[in-house]
Amino acid sequence: MAKPKIHSTAIIDHDAKLSDGVTIGPYCIVGKGVKIGKNTSLISNVVIEDTEVGKDCQIYPFSSIGLPPQDIKYKGEKTMVKIGDNNIIREYVTIHRASVGGDGVTAIGDNNFLMAYVHIAHDCKLGNSITMANVATLAGHVLMEDHVVVGGLAAIHQFSRIGAYSMIGGYSAVAQDVPPFTIASGNRAKLYGLNVIGLRRHGLDASALRDIKQAYNILFRSKLTMKEAISKVRAEIKLSKEVKHLLEFLENGKKRGICR
């Protein structure tokens, strides 16, 4: 296997662990507590500390990863960032390590595309195959499930949850949880139906999509309370894995409330 390729202008802490095939470009600073997986590339001018990065990631110039959280309660406690495999992190992205208000880890899964100027705050948990467009911003403790698309300049409030396969419109201000499979947009964001095109692109069959549509109509277009609507869905709609996930997401929405 190829040894790490390190540019002469890069600064690498003696504690950092670099796997085979890693490339560290000009003027990068790789600080303490860093582990970088096979074939990951820091193109240039990247600052990274207290972070584990998986294999086959591309990190573009002027990104800042693993620096202290923007949290006045943070007093230098040992926390970190964990990033999975095959992520693309574009220019000027900032990903902050966790505060002490969670489990000590800001976590990002696999196959994500974070465009320029994206901000991931402390204690956020991101799943897999997420796309965040330019200047999309997450406040602290945001949970984002798999296959989410976030438009440019969107801002998401701390402790909010963003459900799987949902889409958030550009320039939105999201202050409540966005249910799985939906489209949300606006200031403050509200729902605009199901992300039908996105679901079809991800191979959801017609039967599953029909079940989600029926559940959505009861949950968000009836005059029932959320508790009543959930009970009605459980009684009348086929409980496919997608519908079950939607209901569980809604039942767990106790911090921020649910976009309606």
C-alpha atoms as a PDB file:
ATOM      1  CA  MET A   1       0.000   0.000   0.000  1.00  0.00           C
ATOM      2  CA  ALA A   2       1.097   3.553  -0.722  1.00  0.00           C
ATOM      3  CA  LYS A   3       2.448   5.478   2.239  1.00  0.00           C
ATOM      4  CA  PRO A   4       0.864   8.838   3.133  1.00  0.00           C
ATOM      5  CA  LYS A   5       1.865  11.663   0.800  1.00  0.00           C
ATOM      6  CA  ILE A   6       2.535  14.819   2.815  1.00  0.00           C
ATOM      7  CA  HIS A   7       3.398  18.187   1.294  1.00  0.00           C
ATOM      8  CA  SER A   8       6.495  19.856   2.698  1.00  0.00           C
ATOM      9  CA  THR A   9       4.485  22.864   3.942  1.00  0.00           C
ATOM     10  CA  ALA A  10       1.969  20.800   5.915  1.00  0.00           C
ATOM     11  CA  ILE A  11       2.216  20.631   9.726  1.00  0.00           C
ATOM     12  CA  ILE A  12       1.401  17.230  11.211  1.00  0.00           C
ATOM     13  CA  ASP A  13       1.129  16.650  14.957  1.00  0.00           C
ATOM     14  CA  HIS A  14       3.234  13.724  16.207  1.00  0.00           C
ATOM     15  CA  ASP A  15       0.053  12.198  17.665  1.00  0.00           C
ATOM     16  CA  ALA A  16      -1.828  12.118  14.331  1.00  0.00           C
ATOM     17  CA  LYS A  17      -2.382   8.731  12.672  1.00  0.00           C
ATOM     18  CA  LEU A  18      -2.448   8.639   8.880  1.00  0.00           C
ATOM     19  CA  SER A  19      -3.424   5.486   6.974  1.00  0.00           C
ATOM     20  CA  ASP A  20      -2.035   4.230   3.670  1.00  0.00           C
ATOM     21  CA  GLY A  21      -2.828   6.346   0.648  1.00  0.00           C
ATOM     22  CA  VAL A  22      -3.649   9.514   2.592  1.00  0.00           C
ATOM     23  CA  THR A  23      -2.723  12.798   0.879  1.00  0.00           C
ATOM     24  CA  ILE A  24      -2.026  15.924   2.926  1.00  0.00           C
ATOM     25  CA  GLY A  25      -1.733  18.939   0.636  1.00  0.00           C
ATOM     26  CA  PRO A  26      -0.014  22.310   0.993  1.00  0.00           C
ATOM     27  CA  TYR A  27      -0.436  24.332   4.199  1.00  0.00           C
ATOM     28  CA  CYS A  28      -2.688  21.843   5.947  1.00  0.00           C
ATOM     29  CA  ILE A  29      -2.526  21.632   9.744  1.00  0.00           C
ATOM     30  CA  VAL A  30      -3.279  18.194  11.153  1.00  0.00           C
ATOM     31  CA  GLY A  31      -3.457  18.554  14.917  1.00  0.00           C
ATOM     32  CA  LYS A  32      -3.764  16.383  17.965  1.00  0.00           C
ATOM     33  CA  GLY A  33      -6.203  13.509  18.170  1.00  0.00           C
ATOM     34  CA  VAL A  34      -6.569  13.075  14.403  1.00  0.00           C
ATOM     35  CA  LYS A  35      -6.991   9.729  12.635  1.00  0.00           C
ATOM     36  CA  ILE A  36      -7.400   9.697   8.850  1.00  0.00           C
ATOM     37  CA  GLY A  37      -8.504   6.612   6.901  1.00  0.00           C
ATOM     38  CA  LYS A  38      -7.148   5.118   3.688  1.00  0.00           C
ATOM     39  CA  ASN A  39      -7.024   7.220   0.532  1.00  0.00           C
ATOM     40  CA  THR A  40      -8.555  10.306   2.127  1.00  0.00           C
ATOM     41  CA  SER A  41      -7.280  13.589   0.712  1.00  0.00           C
ATOM     42  CA  LEU A  42      -6.861  16.994   2.383  1.00  0.00           C
ATOM     43  CA  ILE A  43      -6.374  19.111  -0.721  1.00  0.00           C
ATOM     44  CA  SER A  44      -4.823  22.234   0.843  1.00  0.00           C
ATOM     45  CA  ASN A  45      -5.180  24.733   3.718  1.00  0.00           C
ATOM     46  CA  VAL A  46      -7.323  22.362   5.806  1.00  0.00           C
ATOM     47  CA  VAL A  47      -7.221  22.670   9.615  1.00  0.00           C
ATOM     48  CA  ILE A  48      -8.266  19.556  11.508  1.00  0.00           C
ATOM     49  CA  GLU A  49      -7.952  18.374  15.107  1.00  0.00           C
ATOM     50  CA  ASP A  50      -9.673  15.949  17.509  1.00  0.00           C
ATOM     51  CA  THR A  51     -11.277  14.167  14.561  1.00  0.00           C
ATOM     52  CA  GLU A  52     -11.516  10.677  13.096  1.00  0.00           C
ATOM     53  CA  VAL A  53     -12.070  10.614   9.328  1.00  0.00           C
ATOM     54  CA  GLY A  54     -12.864   7.440   7.385  1.00  0.00           C
ATOM     55  CA  LYS A  55     -11.553   6.269   4.039  1.00  0.00           C
ATOM     56  CA  ASP A  56     -11.919   7.798   0.566  1.00  0.00           C
ATOM     57  CA  CYS A  57     -13.002  11.264   1.751  1.00  0.00           C
ATOM     58  CA  GLN A  58     -12.144  14.501  -0.063  1.00  0.00           C
ATOM     59  CA  ILE A  59     -11.692  17.614   2.072  1.00  0.00           C
ATOM     60  CA  TYR A  60     -11.309  20.834   0.118  1.00  0.00           C
ATOM     61  CA  PRO A  61      -9.348  24.031   0.870  1.00  0.00           C
ATOM     62  CA  PHE A  62     -10.014  26.183   3.922  1.00  0.00           C
ATOM     63  CA  SER A  63     -12.253  23.680   5.672  1.00  0.00           C
ATOM     64  CA  SER A  64     -12.028  23.667   9.475  1.00  0.00           C
ATOM     65  CA  ILE A  65     -12.870  20.420  11.249  1.00  0.00           C
ATOM     66  CA  GLY A  66     -12.817  19.452  14.913  1.00  0.00           C
ATOM     67  CA  LEU A  67     -12.135  22.858  16.409  1.00  0.00           C
ATOM     68  CA  PRO A  68     -13.876  23.831  19.682  1.00  0.00           C
ATOM     69  CA  PRO A  69     -17.657  24.307  19.682  1.00  0.00           C
ATOM     70  CA  GLN A  70     -19.223  27.758  19.638  1.00  0.00           C
ATOM     71  CA  ASP A  71     -20.710  27.118  23.064  1.00  0.00           C
ATOM     72  CA  ILE A  72     -19.904  29.411  26.001  1.00  0.00           C
ATOM     73  CA  LYS A  73     -20.347  26.479  28.382  1.00  0.00           C
ATOM     74  CA  TYR A  74     -17.457  24.623  26.770  1.00  0.00           C
ATOM     75  CA  LYS A  75     -14.278  24.773  28.875  1.00  0.00           C
ATOM     76  CA  GLY A  76     -11.886  22.620  26.895  1.00  0.00           C
ATOM     77  CA  GLU A  77     -13.286  19.201  27.783  1.00  0.00           C
ATOM     78  CA  LYS A  78     -12.211  16.221  25.653  1.00  0.00           C
ATOM     79  CA  THR A  79     -14.705  15.838  22.813  1.00  0.00           C
ATOM     80  CA  MET A  80     -14.388  14.980  19.132  1.00  0.00           C
ATOM     81  CA  VAL A  81     -15.748  14.670  15.589  1.00  0.00           C
ATOM     82  CA  LYS A  82     -16.278  11.348  13.796  1.00  0.00           C
ATOM     83  CA  ILE A  83     -16.668  11.325  10.010  1.00  0.00           C
ATOM     84  CA  GLY A  84     -17.381   8.180   7.997  1.00  0.00           C
ATOM     85  CA  ASP A  85     -16.311   7.053   4.529  1.00  0.00           C
ATOM     86  CA  ASN A  86     -16.607   8.557   1.054  1.00  0.00           C
ATOM     87  CA  ASN A  87     -17.633  12.053   2.119  1.00  0.00           C
ATOM     88  CA  ILE A  88     -17.051  15.178   0.021  1.00  0.00           C
ATOM     89  CA  ILE A  89     -16.433  18.269   2.149  1.00  0.00           C
ATOM     90  CA  ARG A  90     -16.107  21.383   0.019  1.00  0.00           C
ATOM     91  CA  GLU A  91     -14.459  24.756   0.563  1.00  0.00           C
ATOM     92  CA  TYR A  92     -14.816  26.620   3.879  1.00  0.00           C
ATOM     93  CA  VAL A  93     -16.953  23.963   5.556  1.00  0.00           C
ATOM     94  CA  THR A  94     -16.849  24.141   9.377  1.00  0.00           C
ATOM     95  CA  ILE A  95     -17.541  21.086  11.532  1.00  0.00           C
ATOM     96  CA  HIS A  96     -17.165  21.657  15.282  1.00  0.00           C
ATOM     97  CA  ARG A  97     -16.390  19.039  17.865  1.00  0.00           C
ATOM     98  CA  ALA A  98     -18.989  18.272  20.508  1.00  0.00           C
ATOM     99  CA  SER A  99     -19.764  20.154  23.683  1.00  0.00           C
ATOM    100  CA  VAL A 100     -20.318  18.432  27.015  1.00  0.00           C
ATOM    101  CA  GLY A 101     -24.091  18.659  26.601  1.00  0.00           C
ATOM    102  CA  GLY A 102     -24.352  15.401  24.644  1.00  0.00           C
ATOM    103  CA  ASP A 103     -22.335  12.215  24.228  1.00  0.00           C
ATOM    104  CA  GLY A 104     -19.112  14.033  23.345  1.00  0.00           C
ATOM    105  CA  VAL A 105     -19.207  13.328  19.606  1.00  0.00           C
ATOM    106  CA  THR A 106     -20.264  15.319  16.549  1.00  0.00           C
ATOM    107  CA  ALA A 107     -20.938  12.521  14.037  1.00  0.00           C
ATOM    108  CA  ILE A 108     -21.271  12.371  10.257  1.00  0.00           C
ATOM    109  CA  GLY A 109     -21.959   9.114   8.398  1.00  0.00           C
ATOM    110  CA  ASP A 110     -20.983   7.947   4.904  1.00  0.00           C
ATOM    111  CA  ASN A 111     -21.439   9.231   1.332  1.00  0.00           C
ATOM    112  CA  ASN A 112     -22.413  12.778   2.262  1.00  0.00           C
ATOM    113  CA  PHE A 113     -21.884  15.871   0.097  1.00  0.00           C
ATOM    114  CA  LEU A 114     -21.357  19.085   2.070  1.00  0.00           C
ATOM    115  CA  MET A 115     -21.057  22.029  -0.299  1.00  0.00           C
ATOM    116  CA  ALA A 116     -19.121  25.244   0.285  1.00  0.00           C
ATOM    117  CA  TYR A 117     -19.598  27.145   3.565  1.00  0.00           C
ATOM    118  CA  VAL A 118     -21.801  24.485   5.173  1.00  0.00           C
ATOM    119  CA  HIS A 119     -21.694  24.673   8.981  1.00  0.00           C
ATOM    120  CA  ILE A 120     -22.185  21.620  11.222  1.00  0.00           C
ATOM    121  CA  ALA A 121     -22.333  22.746  14.853  1.00  0.00           C
ATOM    122  CA  HIS A 122     -21.431  20.845  17.992  1.00  0.00           C
ATOM    123  CA  ASP A 123     -23.180  17.563  18.850  1.00  0.00           C
ATOM    124  CA  CYS A 124     -24.962  17.214  15.504  1.00  0.00           C
ATOM    125  CA  LYS A 125     -25.640  13.694  14.238  1.00  0.00           C
ATOM    126  CA  LEU A 126     -25.820  13.234  10.467  1.00  0.00           C
ATOM    127  CA  GLY A 127     -26.678   9.971   8.736  1.00  0.00           C
ATOM    128  CA  ASN A 128     -25.714   8.829   5.246  1.00  0.00           C
ATOM    129  CA  SER A 129     -26.143  10.122   1.694  1.00  0.00           C
ATOM    130  CA  ILE A 130     -27.080  13.655   2.747  1.00  0.00           C
ATOM    131  CA  THR A 131     -26.646  16.645   0.441  1.00  0.00           C
ATOM    132  CA  MET A 132     -26.306  20.111   1.970  1.00  0.00           C
ATOM    133  CA  ALA A 133     -26.057  22.983  -0.496  1.00  0.00           C
ATOM    134  CA  ASN A 134     -23.949  26.122  -0.092  1.00  0.00           C
ATOM    135  CA  VAL A 135     -24.135  27.949   3.258  1.00  0.00           C
ATOM    136  CA  ALA A 136     -26.672  25.527   4.759  1.00  0.00           C
ATOM    137  CA  THR A 137     -26.287  25.761   8.544  1.00  0.00           C
ATOM    138  CA  LEU A 138     -27.030  23.410  11.422  1.00  0.00           C
ATOM    139  CA  ALA A 139     -27.161  24.704  14.994  1.00  0.00           C
ATOM    140  CA  GLY A 140     -26.124  22.443  17.866  1.00  0.00           C
ATOM    141  CA  HIS A 141     -27.601  19.009  18.558  1.00  0.00           C
ATOM    142  CA  VAL A 142     -29.440  18.687  15.230  1.00  0.00           C
ATOM    143  CA  LEU A 143     -30.297  15.109  14.201  1.00  0.00           C
ATOM    144  CA  MET A 144     -30.448  14.498  10.452  1.00  0.00           C
ATOM    145  CA  GLU A 145     -31.447  11.089   9.087  1.00  0.00           C
ATOM    146  CA  ASP A 146     -30.371   9.475   5.802  1.00  0.00           C
ATOM    147  CA  HIS A 147     -30.948  10.830   2.269  1.00  0.00           C
ATOM    148  CA  VAL A 148     -31.890  14.379   3.301  1.00  0.00           C
ATOM    149  CA  VAL A 149     -31.430  17.303   0.886  1.00  0.00           C
ATOM    150  CA  VAL A 150     -30.969  20.792   2.363  1.00  0.00           C
ATOM    151  CA  GLY A 151     -31.128  23.811   0.067  1.00  0.00           C
ATOM    152  CA  GLY A 152     -28.676  26.677   0.078  1.00  0.00           C
ATOM    153  CA  LEU A 153     -28.741  29.272   2.872  1.00  0.00           C
ATOM    154  CA  ALA A 154     -31.162  27.175   4.947  1.00  0.00           C
ATOM    155  CA  ALA A 155     -30.754  27.381   8.731  1.00  0.00           C
ATOM    156  CA  ILE A 156     -31.897  24.693  11.147  1.00  0.00           C
ATOM    157  CA  HIS A 157     -32.613  25.423  14.819  1.00  0.00           C
ATOM    158  CA  GLN A 158     -30.770  23.620  17.606  1.00  0.00           C
ATOM    159  CA  PHE A 159     -32.207  20.286  18.770  1.00  0.00           C
ATOM    160  CA  SER A 160     -34.345  19.951  15.630  1.00  0.00           C
ATOM    161  CA  ARG A 161     -34.691  16.624  13.843  1.00  0.00           C
ATOM    162  CA  ILE A 162     -34.790  16.212  10.075  1.00  0.00           C
ATOM    163  CA  GLY A 163     -36.403  12.980   8.906  1.00  0.00           C
ATOM    164  CA  ALA A 164     -35.135  10.590   6.243  1.00  0.00           C
ATOM    165  CA  TYR A 165     -35.699  11.391   2.556  1.00  0.00           C
ATOM    166  CA  SER A 166     -36.988  14.875   3.354  1.00  0.00           C
ATOM    167  CA  MET A 167     -36.112  18.002   1.403  1.00  0.00           C
ATOM    168  CA  ILE A 168     -35.685  21.497   2.847  1.00  0.00           C
ATOM    169  CA  GLY A 169     -36.041  24.428   0.477  1.00  0.00           C
ATOM    170  CA  GLY A 170     -33.322  26.994   0.031  1.00  0.00           C
ATOM    171  CA  TYR A 171     -33.316  30.044   2.291  1.00  0.00           C
ATOM    172  CA  SER A 172     -35.574  28.310   4.823  1.00  0.00           C
ATOM    173  CA  ALA A 173     -35.548  28.804   8.584  1.00  0.00           C
ATOM    174  CA  VAL A 174     -36.426  25.490  10.203  1.00  0.00           C
ATOM    175  CA  ALA A 175     -37.508  25.796  13.832  1.00  0.00           C
ATOM    176  CA  GLN A 176     -39.326  22.462  14.283  1.00  0.00           C
ATOM    177  CA  ASP A 177     -38.827  18.814  13.357  1.00  0.00           C
ATOM    178  CA  VAL A 178     -39.315  17.977   9.675  1.00  0.00           C
ATOM    179  CA  PRO A 179     -41.024  14.571   9.280  1.00  0.00           C
ATOM    180  CA  PRO A 180     -39.516  11.890   7.046  1.00  0.00           C
ATOM    181  CA  PHE A 181     -40.446  11.855   3.338  1.00  0.00           C
ATOM    182  CA  THR A 182     -41.716  15.454   3.289  1.00  0.00           C
ATOM    183  CA  ILE A 183     -40.841  18.811   1.731  1.00  0.00           C
ATOM    184  CA  ALA A 184     -40.469  21.801   4.063  1.00  0.00           C
ATOM    185  CA  SER A 185     -39.806  25.397   3.154  1.00  0.00           C
ATOM    186  CA  GLY A 186     -40.198  28.948   4.362  1.00  0.00           C
ATOM    187  CA  ASN A 187     -39.528  31.210   7.337  1.00  0.00           C
ATOM    188  CA  ARG A 188     -40.616  29.550   9.623  1.00  0.00           C
ATOM    189  CA  ALA A 189     -40.692  26.360   7.572  1.00  0.00           C
ATOM    190  CA  LYS A 190     -43.947  24.521   7.005  1.00  0.00           C
ATOM    191  CA  LEU A 191     -44.777  21.379   5.058  1.00  0.00           C
ATOM    192  CA  TYR A 192     -45.568  21.412   1.353  1.00  0.00           C
ATOM    193  CA  GLY A 193     -46.440  17.753   0.864  1.00  0.00           C
ATOM    194  CA  LEU A 194     -44.377  14.648   0.230  1.00  0.00           C
ATOM    195  CA  ASN A 195     -41.006  14.451  -1.497  1.00  0.00           C
ATOM    196  CA  VAL A 196     -42.537  12.215  -4.159  1.00  0.00           C
ATOM    197  CA  ILE A 197     -39.882  12.750  -6.833  1.00  0.00           C
ATOM    198  CA  GLY A 198     -37.078  12.095  -4.341  1.00  0.00           C
ATOM    199  CA  LEU A 199     -38.755   8.923  -3.083  1.00  0.00           C
ATOM    200  CA  ARG A 200     -39.207   7.601  -6.618  1.00  0.00           C
ATOM    201  CA  ARG A 201     -35.583   8.368  -7.452  1.00  0.00           C
ATOM    202  CA  HIS A 202     -34.550   6.276  -4.458  1.00  0.00           C
ATOM    203  CA  GLY A 203     -36.577   3.332  -5.722  1.00  0.00           C
ATOM    204  CA  LEU A 204     -39.599   3.433  -3.435  1.00  0.00           C
ATOM    205  CA  ASP A 205     -42.271   1.260  -5.020  1.00  0.00           C
ATOM    206  CA  ALA A 206     -45.807   2.420  -5.799  1.00  0.00           C
ATOM    207  CA  SER A 207     -47.362   0.436  -2.958  1.00  0.00           C
ATOM    208  CA  ALA A 208     -45.095   1.942  -0.299  1.00  0.00           C
ATOM    209  CA  LEU A 209     -45.620   5.432  -1.720  1.00  0.00           C
ATOM    210  CA  ARG A 210     -49.385   4.962  -1.614  1.00  0.00           C
ATOM    211  CA  ASP A 211     -49.199   3.952   2.061  1.00  0.00           C
ATOM    212  CA  ILE A 212     -47.123   7.042   2.896  1.00  0.00           C
ATOM    213  CA  LYS A 213     -49.576   9.310   1.030  1.00  0.00           C
ATOM    214  CA  GLN A 214     -52.533   7.879   2.919  1.00  0.00           C
ATOM    215  CA  ALA A 215     -50.748   8.300   6.239  1.00  0.00           C
ATOM    216  CA  TYR A 216     -49.708  11.870   5.355  1.00  0.00           C
ATOM    217  CA  ASN A 217     -53.261  12.883   4.520  1.00  0.00           C
ATOM    218  CA  ILE A 218     -54.525  11.660   7.874  1.00  0.00           C
ATOM    219  CA  LEU A 219     -51.617  13.102   9.861  1.00  0.00           C
ATOM    220  CA  PHE A 220     -51.382  16.526   8.253  1.00  0.00           C
ATOM    221  CA  ARG A 221     -54.582  17.224   6.302  1.00  0.00           C
ATOM    222  CA  SER A 222     -57.244  16.066   8.718  1.00  0.00           C
ATOM    223  CA  LYS A 223     -58.499  18.132  11.643  1.00  0.00           C
ATOM    224  CA  LEU A 224     -57.455  15.491  14.137  1.00  0.00           C
ATOM    225  CA  THR A 225     -54.925  16.107  16.875  1.00  0.00           C
ATOM    226  CA  MET A 226     -51.577  14.461  16.232  1.00  0.00           C
ATOM    227  CA  LYS A 227     -52.309  11.790  18.843  1.00  0.00           C
ATOM    228  CA  GLU A 228     -55.687  11.034  17.270  1.00  0.00           C
ATOM    229  CA  ALA A 229     -54.218  11.004  13.767  1.00  0.00           C
ATOM    230  CA  ILE A 230     -51.457   8.583  14.736  1.00  0.00           C
ATOM    231  CA  SER A 231     -54.025   6.239  16.268  1.00  0.00           C
ATOM    232  CA  LYS A 232     -56.163   6.440  13.102  1.00  0.00           C
ATOM    233  CA  VAL A 233     -53.152   5.636  10.883  1.00  0.00           C
ATOM    234  CA  ARG A 234     -52.260   2.635  13.036  1.00  0.00           C
ATOM    235  CA  ALA A 235     -55.839   1.388  12.768  1.00  0.00           C
ATOM    236  CA  GLU A 236     -56.504   2.014   9.084  1.00  0.00           C
ATOM    237  CA  ILE A 237     -53.236   2.129   7.086  1.00  0.00           C
ATOM    238  CA  LYS A 238     -50.873  -0.708   6.204  1.00  0.00           C
ATOM    239  CA  LEU A 239     -47.934  -0.372   8.586  1.00  0.00           C
ATOM    240  CA  SER A 240     -45.100  -0.660   6.105  1.00  0.00           C
ATOM    241  CA  LYS A 241     -41.606   0.019   7.399  1.00  0.00           C
ATOM    242  CA  GLU A 242     -41.858   3.551   5.977  1.00  0.00           C
ATOM    243  CA  VAL A 243     -45.144   4.301   7.731  1.00  0.00           C
ATOM    244  CA  LYS A 244     -43.809   2.818  10.975  1.00  0.00           C
ATOM    245  CA  HIS A 245     -40.755   5.049  10.749  1.00  0.00           C
ATOM    246  CA  LEU A 246     -42.914   8.113  10.114  1.00  0.00           C
ATOM    247  CA  LEU A 247     -45.109   7.360  13.137  1.00  0.00           C
ATOM    248  CA  GLU A 248     -42.150   6.676  15.429  1.00  0.00           C
ATOM    249  CA  PHE A 249     -40.535   9.926  14.345  1.00  0.00           C
ATOM    250  CA  LEU A 250     -43.693  11.888  15.153  1.00  0.00           C
ATOM    251  CA  GLU A 251     -44.171  10.175  18.504  1.00  0.00           C
ATOM    252  CA  ASN A 252     -40.620  11.096  19.538  1.00  0.00           C
ATOM    253  CA  GLY A 253     -40.979  14.805  18.637  1.00  0.00           C
ATOM    254  CA  LYS A 254     -41.028  16.208  22.151  1.00  0.00           C
ATOM    255  CA  LYS A 255     -38.362  18.957  22.067  1.00  0.00           C
ATOM    256  CA  ARG A 256     -39.133  21.227  19.124  1.00  0.00           C
ATOM    257  CA  GLY A 257     -42.562  20.121  17.954  1.00  0.00           C
ATOM    258  CA  ILE A 258     -43.439  19.067  14.408  1.00  0.00           C
ATOM    259  CA  CYS A 259     -43.675  21.165  11.242  1.00  0.00           C
ATOM    260  CA  ARG A 260     -47.304  21.136  10.077  1.00  0.00           C
END
